[in-house]
Amino acid sequence: DFISALEKILGKQARKNLLPLQPGDVPSTYADVDDLVQDLGYK
C-alpha cells in the first residue's frame, strides 16, 4: 500500500523485484503510544 501511494504521487509504476525476508529484519512494526498520549498529550 505504501508503494502504491508512492506510485500514484510519482505518476509512475514500480517494477518490483520480490525477495525473501532479509536477515535482521522483522516483518511488522506497530507502536503502542498510549504512554506518550497520557504523559505528554501527544500522538
Full PDB file with SEQRES, HELIX, SHEET, SSBOND, CRYST1, ORIGX, SCALE, CONECT and MASTER records, all heavy atoms in Angstrom:
SEQRES   1 A   43  ASP PHE ILE SER ALA LEU GLU LYS ILE LEU GLY LYS GLN          
SEQRES   2 A   43  ALA ARG LYS ASN LEU LEU PRO LEU GLN PRO GLY ASP VAL          
SEQRES   3 A   43  PRO SER THR TYR ALA ASP VAL ASP ASP LEU VAL GLN ASP          
SEQRES   4 A   43  LEU GLY TYR LYS                                              
HELIX    1 AA1 PHE A    2  LEU A   10  1                                   9    
HELIX    2 AA2 ASP A   34  LEU A   40  1                                   7    
CRYST1    1.000    1.000    1.000  90.00  90.00  90.00 P 1           1          
ORIGX1      1.000000  0.000000  0.000000        0.00000                         
ORIGX2      0.000000  1.000000  0.000000        0.00000                         
ORIGX3      0.000000  0.000000  1.000000        0.00000                         
SCALE1      1.000000  0.000000  0.000000        0.00000                         
SCALE2      0.000000  1.000000  0.000000        0.00000                         
SCALE3      0.000000  0.000000  1.000000        0.00000                         
ATOM      1  N   ASP A   1       0.836  -1.203   0.000  1.00  0.00           N  
ATOM      2  CA  ASP A   1       0.000   0.000   0.000  1.00  0.00           C  
ATOM      3  C   ASP A   1       0.875   1.259   0.000  1.00  0.00           C  
ATOM      4  O   ASP A   1       0.541   2.265  -0.646  1.00  0.00           O  
ATOM      5  CB  ASP A   1      -0.929   0.015   1.214  1.00  0.00           C  
ATOM      6  CG  ASP A   1      -1.985  -1.089   1.156  1.00  0.00           C  
ATOM      7  OD1 ASP A   1      -2.256  -1.579   0.042  1.00  0.00           O  
ATOM      8  OD2 ASP A   1      -2.523  -1.443   2.216  1.00  0.00           O  
ATOM      9  N   PHE A   2       1.986   1.191   0.731  1.00  0.00           N  
ATOM     10  CA  PHE A   2       2.944   2.298   0.774  1.00  0.00           C  
ATOM     11  C   PHE A   2       3.514   2.541  -0.630  1.00  0.00           C  
ATOM     12  O   PHE A   2       3.587   3.688  -1.098  1.00  0.00           O  
ATOM     13  CB  PHE A   2       4.057   1.946   1.758  1.00  0.00           C  
ATOM     14  CG  PHE A   2       5.031   3.058   2.036  1.00  0.00           C  
ATOM     15  CD1 PHE A   2       4.714   4.092   2.904  1.00  0.00           C  
ATOM     16  CD2 PHE A   2       6.300   3.045   1.467  1.00  0.00           C  
ATOM     17  CE1 PHE A   2       5.633   5.106   3.181  1.00  0.00           C  
ATOM     18  CE2 PHE A   2       7.218   4.056   1.736  1.00  0.00           C  
ATOM     19  CZ  PHE A   2       6.879   5.081   2.598  1.00  0.00           C  
ATOM     20  N   ILE A   3       3.879   1.455  -1.311  1.00  0.00           N  
ATOM     21  CA  ILE A   3       4.421   1.563  -2.667  1.00  0.00           C  
ATOM     22  C   ILE A   3       3.361   2.107  -3.619  1.00  0.00           C  
ATOM     23  O   ILE A   3       3.649   2.955  -4.473  1.00  0.00           O  
ATOM     24  CB  ILE A   3       4.954   0.198  -3.142  1.00  0.00           C  
ATOM     25  CG1 ILE A   3       6.178  -0.213  -2.312  1.00  0.00           C  
ATOM     26  CG2 ILE A   3       5.314   0.231  -4.634  1.00  0.00           C  
ATOM     27  CD1 ILE A   3       6.623  -1.650  -2.518  1.00  0.00           C  
ATOM     28  N   SER A   4       2.128   1.648  -3.472  1.00  0.00           N  
ATOM     29  CA  SER A   4       1.034   2.142  -4.331  1.00  0.00           C  
ATOM     30  C   SER A   4       0.835   3.643  -4.172  1.00  0.00           C  
ATOM     31  O   SER A   4       0.618   4.369  -5.152  1.00  0.00           O  
ATOM     32  CB  SER A   4      -0.271   1.415  -4.003  1.00  0.00           C  
ATOM     33  OG  SER A   4      -0.174   0.049  -4.330  1.00  0.00           O  
ATOM     34  N   ALA A   5       0.911   4.121  -2.917  1.00  0.00           N  
ATOM     35  CA  ALA A   5       0.765   5.562  -2.669  1.00  0.00           C  
ATOM     36  C   ALA A   5       1.899   6.330  -3.334  1.00  0.00           C  
ATOM     37  O   ALA A   5       1.678   7.397  -3.942  1.00  0.00           O  
ATOM     38  CB  ALA A   5       0.750   5.836  -1.163  1.00  0.00           C  
ATOM     39  N   LEU A   6       3.121   5.783  -3.269  1.00  0.00           N  
ATOM     40  CA  LEU A   6       4.266   6.436  -3.904  1.00  0.00           C  
ATOM     41  C   LEU A   6       4.111   6.450  -5.428  1.00  0.00           C  
ATOM     42  O   LEU A   6       4.387   7.476  -6.080  1.00  0.00           O  
ATOM     43  CB  LEU A   6       5.563   5.713  -3.511  1.00  0.00           C  
ATOM     44  CG  LEU A   6       6.848   6.223  -4.153  1.00  0.00           C  
ATOM     45  CD1 LEU A   6       7.093   7.690  -3.822  1.00  0.00           C  
ATOM     46  CD2 LEU A   6       8.047   5.374  -3.711  1.00  0.00           C  
ATOM     47  N   GLU A   7       3.651   5.326  -6.000  1.00  0.00           N  
ATOM     48  CA  GLU A   7       3.439   5.256  -7.455  1.00  0.00           C  
ATOM     49  C   GLU A   7       2.432   6.316  -7.908  1.00  0.00           C  
ATOM     50  O   GLU A   7       2.629   6.990  -8.932  1.00  0.00           O  
ATOM     51  CB  GLU A   7       2.923   3.869  -7.839  1.00  0.00           C  
ATOM     52  CG  GLU A   7       3.957   2.760  -7.723  1.00  0.00           C  
ATOM     53  CD  GLU A   7       3.345   1.383  -7.937  1.00  0.00           C  
ATOM     54  OE1 GLU A   7       2.161   1.183  -7.544  1.00  0.00           O  
ATOM     55  OE2 GLU A   7       4.032   0.514  -8.487  1.00  0.00           O  
ATOM     56  N   LYS A   8       1.376   6.478  -7.155  1.00  0.00           N  
ATOM     57  CA  LYS A   8       0.335   7.446  -7.502  1.00  0.00           C  
ATOM     58  C   LYS A   8       0.895   8.868  -7.485  1.00  0.00           C  
ATOM     59  O   LYS A   8       0.619   9.674  -8.392  1.00  0.00           O  
ATOM     60  CB  LYS A   8      -0.832   7.315  -6.517  1.00  0.00           C  
ATOM     61  CG  LYS A   8      -2.010   8.227  -6.824  1.00  0.00           C  
ATOM     62  CD  LYS A   8      -3.145   7.992  -5.836  1.00  0.00           C  
ATOM     63  CE  LYS A   8      -4.311   8.935  -6.115  1.00  0.00           C  
ATOM     64  NZ  LYS A   8      -5.411   8.754  -5.118  1.00  0.00           N  
ATOM     65  N   ILE A   9       1.692   9.181  -6.463  1.00  0.00           N  
ATOM     66  CA  ILE A   9       2.251  10.527  -6.322  1.00  0.00           C  
ATOM     67  C   ILE A   9       3.298  10.798  -7.407  1.00  0.00           C  
ATOM     68  O   ILE A   9       3.367  11.904  -7.961  1.00  0.00           O  
ATOM     69  CB  ILE A   9       2.836  10.715  -4.907  1.00  0.00           C  
ATOM     70  CG1 ILE A   9       1.686  10.745  -3.878  1.00  0.00           C  
ATOM     71  CG2 ILE A   9       3.674  11.985  -4.805  1.00  0.00           C  
ATOM     72  CD1 ILE A   9       2.101  10.436  -2.469  1.00  0.00           C  
ATOM     73  N   LEU A  10       4.108   9.781  -7.747  1.00  0.00           N  
ATOM     74  CA  LEU A  10       5.123   9.947  -8.788  1.00  0.00           C  
ATOM     75  C   LEU A  10       4.520   9.881 -10.188  1.00  0.00           C  
ATOM     76  O   LEU A  10       5.132  10.351 -11.158  1.00  0.00           O  
ATOM     77  CB  LEU A  10       6.193   8.852  -8.663  1.00  0.00           C  
ATOM     78  CG  LEU A  10       7.151   8.939  -7.481  1.00  0.00           C  
ATOM     79  CD1 LEU A  10       8.036   7.705  -7.434  1.00  0.00           C  
ATOM     80  CD2 LEU A  10       8.009  10.196  -7.557  1.00  0.00           C  
ATOM     81  N   GLY A  11       3.336   9.271 -10.306  1.00  0.00           N  
ATOM     82  CA  GLY A  11       2.722   9.082 -11.620  1.00  0.00           C  
ATOM     83  C   GLY A  11       3.448   8.037 -12.441  1.00  0.00           C  
ATOM     84  O   GLY A  11       3.428   8.073 -13.683  1.00  0.00           O  
ATOM     85  N   LYS A  12       4.095   7.080 -11.763  1.00  0.00           N  
ATOM     86  CA  LYS A  12       4.832   6.019 -12.447  1.00  0.00           C  
ATOM     87  C   LYS A  12       4.665   4.711 -11.693  1.00  0.00           C  
ATOM     88  O   LYS A  12       4.628   4.684 -10.472  1.00  0.00           O  
ATOM     89  CB  LYS A  12       6.337   6.344 -12.515  1.00  0.00           C  
ATOM     90  CG  LYS A  12       6.699   7.477 -13.452  1.00  0.00           C  
ATOM     91  CD  LYS A  12       8.220   7.621 -13.581  1.00  0.00           C  
ATOM     92  CE  LYS A  12       8.808   6.483 -14.392  1.00  0.00           C  
ATOM     93  NZ  LYS A  12      10.261   6.692 -14.661  1.00  0.00           N  
ATOM     94  N   GLN A  13       4.584   3.612 -12.457  1.00  0.00           N  
ATOM     95  CA  GLN A  13       4.505   2.284 -11.847  1.00  0.00           C  
ATOM     96  C   GLN A  13       5.900   1.784 -11.492  1.00  0.00           C  
ATOM     97  O   GLN A  13       6.868   2.044 -12.211  1.00  0.00           O  
ATOM     98  CB  GLN A  13       3.855   1.289 -12.818  1.00  0.00           C  
ATOM     99  CG  GLN A  13       2.360   1.518 -13.026  1.00  0.00           C  
ATOM    100  CD  GLN A  13       1.561   1.203 -11.787  1.00  0.00           C  
ATOM    101  OE1 GLN A  13       1.006   2.095 -11.145  1.00  0.00           O  
ATOM    102  NE2 GLN A  13       1.518  -0.065 -11.417  1.00  0.00           N  
ATOM    103  N   ALA A  14       5.980   1.058 -10.396  1.00  0.00           N  
ATOM    104  CA  ALA A  14       7.254   0.463  -9.991  1.00  0.00           C  
ATOM    105  C   ALA A  14       7.361  -0.959 -10.526  1.00  0.00           C  
ATOM    106  O   ALA A  14       6.378  -1.706 -10.549  1.00  0.00           O  
ATOM    107  CB  ALA A  14       7.347   0.436  -8.467  1.00  0.00           C  
ATOM    108  N   ARG A  15       8.544  -1.323 -11.001  1.00  0.00           N  
ATOM    109  CA  ARG A  15       8.840  -2.730 -11.307  1.00  0.00           C  
ATOM    110  C   ARG A  15       9.400  -3.354 -10.043  1.00  0.00           C  
ATOM    111  O   ARG A  15      10.404  -2.888  -9.512  1.00  0.00           O  
ATOM    112  CB  ARG A  15       9.846  -2.828 -12.460  1.00  0.00           C  
ATOM    113  CG  ARG A  15       9.257  -2.386 -13.796  1.00  0.00           C  
ATOM    114  CD  ARG A  15      10.219  -2.642 -14.943  1.00  0.00           C  
ATOM    115  NE  ARG A  15      11.376  -1.749 -14.902  1.00  0.00           N  
ATOM    116  CZ  ARG A  15      12.636  -2.157 -14.955  1.00  0.00           C  
ATOM    117  NH1 ARG A  15      12.921  -3.455 -14.992  1.00  0.00           N  
ATOM    118  NH2 ARG A  15      13.630  -1.273 -14.952  1.00  0.00           N  
ATOM    119  N   LYS A  16       8.735  -4.402  -9.566  1.00  0.00           N  
ATOM    120  CA  LYS A  16       9.041  -4.945  -8.242  1.00  0.00           C  
ATOM    121  C   LYS A  16       9.866  -6.225  -8.338  1.00  0.00           C  
ATOM    122  O   LYS A  16       9.484  -7.174  -9.027  1.00  0.00           O  
ATOM    123  CB  LYS A  16       7.740  -5.204  -7.464  1.00  0.00           C  
ATOM    124  CG  LYS A  16       6.883  -3.953  -7.295  1.00  0.00           C  
ATOM    125  CD  LYS A  16       5.537  -4.283  -6.667  1.00  0.00           C  
ATOM    126  CE  LYS A  16       4.627  -3.063  -6.649  1.00  0.00           C  
ATOM    127  NZ  LYS A  16       4.132  -2.698  -7.977  1.00  0.00           N  
ATOM    128  N   ASN A  17      10.975  -6.229  -7.627  1.00  0.00           N  
ATOM    129  CA  ASN A  17      11.834  -7.402  -7.507  1.00  0.00           C  
ATOM    130  C   ASN A  17      11.540  -8.044  -6.154  1.00  0.00           C  
ATOM    131  O   ASN A  17      12.063  -7.610  -5.126  1.00  0.00           O  
ATOM    132  CB  ASN A  17      13.308  -6.965  -7.615  1.00  0.00           C  
ATOM    133  CG  ASN A  17      14.256  -8.138  -7.610  1.00  0.00           C  
ATOM    134  OD1 ASN A  17      13.871  -9.265  -7.914  1.00  0.00           O  
ATOM    135  ND2 ASN A  17      15.507  -7.880  -7.235  1.00  0.00           N  
ATOM    136  N   LEU A  18      10.666  -9.058  -6.145  1.00  0.00           N  
ATOM    137  CA  LEU A  18      10.221  -9.660  -4.885  1.00  0.00           C  
ATOM    138  C   LEU A  18      11.290 -10.597  -4.335  1.00  0.00           C  
ATOM    139  O   LEU A  18      11.752 -11.512  -5.026  1.00  0.00           O  
ATOM    140  CB  LEU A  18       8.905 -10.412  -5.098  1.00  0.00           C  
ATOM    141  CG  LEU A  18       7.728  -9.547  -5.595  1.00  0.00           C  
ATOM    142  CD1 LEU A  18       6.494 -10.407  -5.827  1.00  0.00           C  
ATOM    143  CD2 LEU A  18       7.420  -8.428  -4.612  1.00  0.00           C  
ATOM    144  N   LEU A  19      11.660 -10.363  -3.068  1.00  0.00           N  
ATOM    145  CA  LEU A  19      12.758 -11.096  -2.432  1.00  0.00           C  
ATOM    146  C   LEU A  19      12.345 -11.604  -1.054  1.00  0.00           C  
ATOM    147  O   LEU A  19      11.403 -11.086  -0.452  1.00  0.00           O  
ATOM    148  CB  LEU A  19      13.975 -10.173  -2.283  1.00  0.00           C  
ATOM    149  CG  LEU A  19      14.591  -9.631  -3.576  1.00  0.00           C  
ATOM    150  CD1 LEU A  19      15.560  -8.497  -3.260  1.00  0.00           C  
ATOM    151  CD2 LEU A  19      15.291 -10.749  -4.333  1.00  0.00           C  
ATOM    152  N   PRO A  20      13.053 -12.631  -0.514  1.00  0.00           N  
ATOM    153  CA  PRO A  20      12.732 -13.122   0.832  1.00  0.00           C  
ATOM    154  C   PRO A  20      13.110 -12.112   1.910  1.00  0.00           C  
ATOM    155  O   PRO A  20      13.819 -11.130   1.645  1.00  0.00           O  
ATOM    156  CB  PRO A  20      13.564 -14.403   0.956  1.00  0.00           C  
ATOM    157  CG  PRO A  20      14.659 -14.250  -0.041  1.00  0.00           C  
ATOM    158  CD  PRO A  20      14.107 -13.425  -1.157  1.00  0.00           C  
ATOM    159  N   LEU A  21      12.653 -12.369   3.123  1.00  0.00           N  
ATOM    160  CA  LEU A  21      12.958 -11.514   4.272  1.00  0.00           C  
ATOM    161  C   LEU A  21      14.458 -11.483   4.513  1.00  0.00           C  
ATOM    162  O   LEU A  21      15.115 -12.517   4.496  1.00  0.00           O  
ATOM    163  CB  LEU A  21      12.237 -12.038   5.520  1.00  0.00           C  
ATOM    164  CG  LEU A  21      12.275 -11.156   6.775  1.00  0.00           C  
ATOM    165  CD1 LEU A  21      11.480  -9.877   6.554  1.00  0.00           C  
ATOM    166  CD2 LEU A  21      11.729 -11.915   7.978  1.00  0.00           C  
ATOM    167  N   GLN A  22      15.009 -10.289   4.705  1.00  0.00           N  
ATOM    168  CA  GLN A  22      16.438 -10.123   4.951  1.00  0.00           C  
ATOM    169  C   GLN A  22      16.796 -10.509   6.388  1.00  0.00           C  
ATOM    170  O   GLN A  22      16.008 -10.256   7.315  1.00  0.00           O  
ATOM    171  CB  GLN A  22      16.825  -8.656   4.743  1.00  0.00           C  
ATOM    172  CG  GLN A  22      16.788  -8.214   3.300  1.00  0.00           C  
ATOM    173  CD  GLN A  22      18.118  -8.494   2.625  1.00  0.00           C  
ATOM    174  OE1 GLN A  22      18.312  -9.542   2.034  1.00  0.00           O  
ATOM    175  NE2 GLN A  22      19.033  -7.561   2.722  1.00  0.00           N  
ATOM    176  N   PRO A  23      17.969 -11.083   6.621  1.00  0.00           N  
ATOM    177  CA  PRO A  23      18.414 -11.345   7.996  1.00  0.00           C  
ATOM    178  C   PRO A  23      18.408 -10.053   8.815  1.00  0.00           C  
ATOM    179  O   PRO A  23      18.859  -9.012   8.339  1.00  0.00           O  
ATOM    180  CB  PRO A  23      19.840 -11.879   7.819  1.00  0.00           C  
ATOM    181  CG  PRO A  23      19.881 -12.410   6.426  1.00  0.00           C  
ATOM    182  CD  PRO A  23      18.963 -11.545   5.627  1.00  0.00           C  
ATOM    183  N   GLY A  24      17.896 -10.129  10.042  1.00  0.00           N  
ATOM    184  CA  GLY A  24      17.855  -8.960  10.916  1.00  0.00           C  
ATOM    185  C   GLY A  24      16.584  -8.143  10.815  1.00  0.00           C  
ATOM    186  O   GLY A  24      16.296  -7.325  11.693  1.00  0.00           O  
ATOM    187  N   ASP A  25      15.797  -8.351   9.738  1.00  0.00           N  
ATOM    188  CA  ASP A  25      14.549  -7.600   9.566  1.00  0.00           C  
ATOM    189  C   ASP A  25      13.396  -8.290  10.289  1.00  0.00           C  
ATOM    190  O   ASP A  25      13.366  -9.515  10.408  1.00  0.00           O  
ATOM    191  CB  ASP A  25      14.189  -7.502   8.080  1.00  0.00           C  
ATOM    192  CG  ASP A  25      14.834  -6.310   7.409  1.00  0.00           C  
ATOM    193  OD1 ASP A  25      15.551  -5.566   8.099  1.00  0.00           O  
ATOM    194  OD2 ASP A  25      14.646  -6.129   6.199  1.00  0.00           O  
ATOM    195  N   VAL A  26      12.426  -7.498  10.734  1.00  0.00           N  
ATOM    196  CA  VAL A  26      11.189  -8.045  11.282  1.00  0.00           C  
ATOM    197  C   VAL A  26      10.071  -7.776  10.276  1.00  0.00           C  
ATOM    198  O   VAL A  26      10.096  -6.765   9.571  1.00  0.00           O  
ATOM    199  CB  VAL A  26      10.843  -7.435  12.658  1.00  0.00           C  
ATOM    200  CG1 VAL A  26      11.902  -7.797  13.687  1.00  0.00           C  
ATOM    201  CG2 VAL A  26      10.686  -5.926  12.573  1.00  0.00           C  
ATOM    202  N   PRO A  27       9.088  -8.672  10.162  1.00  0.00           N  
ATOM    203  CA  PRO A  27       8.045  -8.479   9.150  1.00  0.00           C  
ATOM    204  C   PRO A  27       7.063  -7.354   9.452  1.00  0.00           C  
ATOM    205  O   PRO A  27       6.418  -6.838   8.554  1.00  0.00           O  
ATOM    206  CB  PRO A  27       7.332  -9.840   9.116  1.00  0.00           C  
ATOM    207  CG  PRO A  27       7.683 -10.514  10.390  1.00  0.00           C  
ATOM    208  CD  PRO A  27       9.005  -9.990  10.827  1.00  0.00           C  
ATOM    209  N   SER A  28       6.964  -6.962  10.742  1.00  0.00           N  
ATOM    210  CA  SER A  28       5.923  -5.995  11.089  1.00  0.00           C  
ATOM    211  C   SER A  28       6.341  -5.145  12.283  1.00  0.00           C  
ATOM    212  O   SER A  28       6.975  -5.645  13.215  1.00  0.00           O  
ATOM    213  CB  SER A  28       4.621  -6.737  11.412  1.00  0.00           C  
ATOM    214  OG  SER A  28       3.612  -5.846  11.839  1.00  0.00           O  
ATOM    215  N   THR A  29       6.010  -3.847  12.254  1.00  0.00           N  
ATOM    216  CA  THR A  29       6.167  -2.987  13.431  1.00  0.00           C  
ATOM    217  C   THR A  29       4.875  -2.194  13.633  1.00  0.00           C  
ATOM    218  O   THR A  29       4.197  -1.827  12.667  1.00  0.00           O  
ATOM    219  CB  THR A  29       7.345  -2.001  13.279  1.00  0.00           C  
ATOM    220  OG1 THR A  29       7.084  -1.084  12.204  1.00  0.00           O  
ATOM    221  CG2 THR A  29       8.654  -2.735  13.010  1.00  0.00           C  
ATOM    222  N   TYR A  30       4.563  -1.942  14.899  1.00  0.00           N  
ATOM    223  CA  TYR A  30       3.303  -1.288  15.256  1.00  0.00           C  
ATOM    224  C   TYR A  30       3.484  -0.712  16.660  1.00  0.00           C  
ATOM    225  O   TYR A  30       3.662  -1.456  17.618  1.00  0.00           O  
ATOM    226  CB  TYR A  30       2.174  -2.323  15.195  1.00  0.00           C  
ATOM    227  CG  TYR A  30       0.767  -1.855  15.543  1.00  0.00           C  
ATOM    228  CD1 TYR A  30       0.452  -0.518  15.762  1.00  0.00           C  
ATOM    229  CD2 TYR A  30      -0.267  -2.788  15.643  1.00  0.00           C  
ATOM    230  CE1 TYR A  30      -0.842  -0.123  16.071  1.00  0.00           C  
ATOM    231  CE2 TYR A  30      -1.571  -2.405  15.943  1.00  0.00           C  
ATOM    232  CZ  TYR A  30      -1.849  -1.079  16.163  1.00  0.00           C  
ATOM    233  OH  TYR A  30      -3.130  -0.688  16.468  1.00  0.00           O  
ATOM    234  N   ALA A  31       3.446   0.605  16.782  1.00  0.00           N  
ATOM    235  CA  ALA A  31       3.762   1.277  18.042  1.00  0.00           C  
ATOM    236  C   ALA A  31       2.531   1.476  18.918  1.00  0.00           C  
ATOM    237  O   ALA A  31       1.530   2.054  18.478  1.00  0.00           O  
ATOM    238  CB  ALA A  31       4.402   2.631  17.762  1.00  0.00           C  
ATOM    239  N   ASP A  32       2.630   1.047  20.171  1.00  0.00           N  
ATOM    240  CA  ASP A  32       1.673   1.421  21.205  1.00  0.00           C  
ATOM    241  C   ASP A  32       2.147   2.760  21.767  1.00  0.00           C  
ATOM    242  O   ASP A  32       3.251   2.843  22.315  1.00  0.00           O  
ATOM    243  CB  ASP A  32       1.658   0.357  22.305  1.00  0.00           C  
ATOM    244  CG  ASP A  32       0.690   0.662  23.437  1.00  0.00           C  
ATOM    245  OD1 ASP A  32       0.445   1.855  23.706  1.00  0.00           O  
ATOM    246  OD2 ASP A  32       0.204  -0.278  24.085  1.00  0.00           O  
ATOM    247  N   VAL A  33       1.346   3.815  21.607  1.00  0.00           N  
ATOM    248  CA  VAL A  33       1.766   5.156  22.049  1.00  0.00           C  
ATOM    249  C   VAL A  33       0.901   5.682  23.188  1.00  0.00           C  
ATOM    250  O   VAL A  33       0.849   6.889  23.440  1.00  0.00           O  
ATOM    251  CB  VAL A  33       1.775   6.162  20.872  1.00  0.00           C  
ATOM    252  CG1 VAL A  33       2.842   5.788  19.858  1.00  0.00           C  
ATOM    253  CG2 VAL A  33       0.409   6.268  20.211  1.00  0.00           C  
ATOM    254  N   ASP A  34       0.228   4.779  23.910  1.00  0.00           N  
ATOM    255  CA  ASP A  34      -0.657   5.210  24.996  1.00  0.00           C  
ATOM    256  C   ASP A  34       0.078   6.040  26.046  1.00  0.00           C  
ATOM    257  O   ASP A  34      -0.455   7.037  26.552  1.00  0.00           O  
ATOM    258  CB  ASP A  34      -1.311   3.996  25.671  1.00  0.00           C  
ATOM    259  CG  ASP A  34      -2.380   3.339  24.805  1.00  0.00           C  
ATOM    260  OD1 ASP A  34      -2.718   3.921  23.755  1.00  0.00           O  
ATOM    261  OD2 ASP A  34      -2.859   2.242  25.167  1.00  0.00           O  
ATOM    262  N   ASP A  35       1.309   5.634  26.394  1.00  0.00           N  
ATOM    263  CA  ASP A  35       2.063   6.379  27.413  1.00  0.00           C  
ATOM    264  C   ASP A  35       2.432   7.775  26.922  1.00  0.00           C  
ATOM    265  O   ASP A  35       2.441   8.738  27.689  1.00  0.00           O  
ATOM    266  CB  ASP A  35       3.332   5.621  27.804  1.00  0.00           C  
ATOM    267  CG  ASP A  35       3.037   4.366  28.598  1.00  0.00           C  
ATOM    268  OD1 ASP A  35       1.890   4.240  29.083  1.00  0.00           O  
ATOM    269  OD2 ASP A  35       3.929   3.515  28.733  1.00  0.00           O  
ATOM    270  N   LEU A  36       2.763   7.885  25.635  1.00  0.00           N  
ATOM    271  CA  LEU A  36       3.091   9.185  25.043  1.00  0.00           C  
ATOM    272  C   LEU A  36       1.878  10.118  25.139  1.00  0.00           C  
ATOM    273  O   LEU A  36       2.013  11.293  25.492  1.00  0.00           O  
ATOM    274  CB  LEU A  36       3.506   8.989  23.586  1.00  0.00           C  
ATOM    275  CG  LEU A  36       4.214  10.135  22.875  1.00  0.00           C  
ATOM    276  CD1 LEU A  36       5.608  10.353  23.441  1.00  0.00           C  
ATOM    277  CD2 LEU A  36       4.298   9.860  21.371  1.00  0.00           C  
ATOM    278  N   VAL A  37       0.714   9.577  24.829  1.00  0.00           N  
ATOM    279  CA  VAL A  37      -0.523  10.365  24.902  1.00  0.00           C  
ATOM    280  C   VAL A  37      -0.825  10.757  26.346  1.00  0.00           C  
ATOM    281  O   VAL A  37      -1.139  11.917  26.656  1.00  0.00           O  
ATOM    282  CB  VAL A  37      -1.705   9.575  24.292  1.00  0.00           C  
ATOM    283  CG1 VAL A  37      -3.010  10.323  24.511  1.00  0.00           C  
ATOM    284  CG2 VAL A  37      -1.475   9.325  22.805  1.00  0.00           C  
ATOM    285  N   GLN A  38      -0.680   9.796  27.249  1.00  0.00           N  
ATOM    286  CA  GLN A  38      -1.026  10.030  28.652  1.00  0.00           C  
ATOM    287  C   GLN A  38      -0.074  11.025  29.324  1.00  0.00           C  
ATOM    288  O   GLN A  38      -0.511  11.940  30.023  1.00  0.00           O  
ATOM    289  CB  GLN A  38      -0.990   8.708  29.423  1.00  0.00           C  
ATOM    290  CG  GLN A  38      -1.304   8.846  30.915  1.00  0.00           C  
ATOM    291  CD  GLN A  38      -1.277   7.499  31.624  1.00  0.00           C  
ATOM    292  OE1 GLN A  38      -1.900   6.543  31.175  1.00  0.00           O  
ATOM    293  NE2 GLN A  38      -0.538   7.434  32.719  1.00  0.00           N  
ATOM    294  N   ASP A  39       1.229  10.862  29.105  1.00  0.00           N  
ATOM    295  CA  ASP A  39       2.217  11.684  29.812  1.00  0.00           C  
ATOM    296  C   ASP A  39       2.498  13.012  29.131  1.00  0.00           C  
ATOM    297  O   ASP A  39       2.837  13.998  29.790  1.00  0.00           O  
ATOM    298  CB  ASP A  39       3.537  10.924  29.955  1.00  0.00           C  
ATOM    299  CG  ASP A  39       3.418   9.685  30.836  1.00  0.00           C  
ATOM    300  OD1 ASP A  39       2.336   9.490  31.427  1.00  0.00           O  
ATOM    301  OD2 ASP A  39       4.402   8.932  30.927  1.00  0.00           O  
ATOM    302  N   LEU A  40       2.393  13.053  27.792  1.00  0.00           N  
ATOM    303  CA  LEU A  40       2.807  14.243  27.060  1.00  0.00           C  
ATOM    304  C   LEU A  40       1.679  14.863  26.227  1.00  0.00           C  
ATOM    305  O   LEU A  40       1.872  15.890  25.581  1.00  0.00           O  
ATOM    306  CB  LEU A  40       3.987  13.902  26.138  1.00  0.00           C  
ATOM    307  CG  LEU A  40       5.225  13.379  26.883  1.00  0.00           C  
ATOM    308  CD1 LEU A  40       6.177  12.694  25.927  1.00  0.00           C  
ATOM    309  CD2 LEU A  40       5.923  14.511  27.595  1.00  0.00           C  
ATOM    310  N   GLY A  41       0.520  14.204  26.227  1.00  0.00           N  
ATOM    311  CA  GLY A  41      -0.623  14.745  25.481  1.00  0.00           C  
ATOM    312  C   GLY A  41      -0.362  14.844  23.995  1.00  0.00           C  
ATOM    313  O   GLY A  41      -0.829  15.770  23.331  1.00  0.00           O  
ATOM    314  N   TYR A  42       0.377  13.856  23.470  1.00  0.00           N  
ATOM    315  CA  TYR A  42       0.786  13.960  22.069  1.00  0.00           C  
ATOM    316  C   TYR A  42       0.728  12.620  21.366  1.00  0.00           C  
ATOM    317  O   TYR A  42       1.061  11.586  21.935  1.00  0.00           O  
ATOM    318  CB  TYR A  42       2.218  14.505  21.971  1.00  0.00           C  
ATOM    319  CG  TYR A  42       2.668  14.649  20.544  1.00  0.00           C  
ATOM    320  CD1 TYR A  42       2.075  15.586  19.706  1.00  0.00           C  
ATOM    321  CD2 TYR A  42       3.648  13.818  20.017  1.00  0.00           C  
ATOM    322  CE1 TYR A  42       2.449  15.692  18.379  1.00  0.00           C  
ATOM    323  CE2 TYR A  42       4.043  13.922  18.692  1.00  0.00           C  
ATOM    324  CZ  TYR A  42       3.432  14.865  17.875  1.00  0.00           C  
ATOM    325  OH  TYR A  42       3.784  14.958  16.571  1.00  0.00           O  
ATOM    326  N   LYS A  43       0.316  12.677  20.091  1.00  0.00           N  
ATOM    327  CA  LYS A  43       0.302  11.489  19.246  1.00  0.00           C  
ATOM    328  C   LYS A  43       0.567  11.894  17.796  1.00  0.00           C  
ATOM    329  O   LYS A  43      -0.090  12.795  17.278  1.00  0.00           O  
ATOM    330  CB  LYS A  43      -1.064  10.792  19.334  1.00  0.00           C  
ATOM    331  CG  LYS A  43      -1.170   9.541  18.490  1.00  0.00           C  
ATOM    332  CD  LYS A  43      -2.568   8.935  18.596  1.00  0.00           C  
ATOM    333  CE  LYS A  43      -2.706   7.716  17.693  1.00  0.00           C  
ATOM    334  NZ  LYS A  43      -4.060   7.156  17.734  1.00  0.00           N  
TER     335      LYS A  43                                                      
MASTER        0    0    0    2    0    0    0    6  334    1    0    4          
END                                                                             
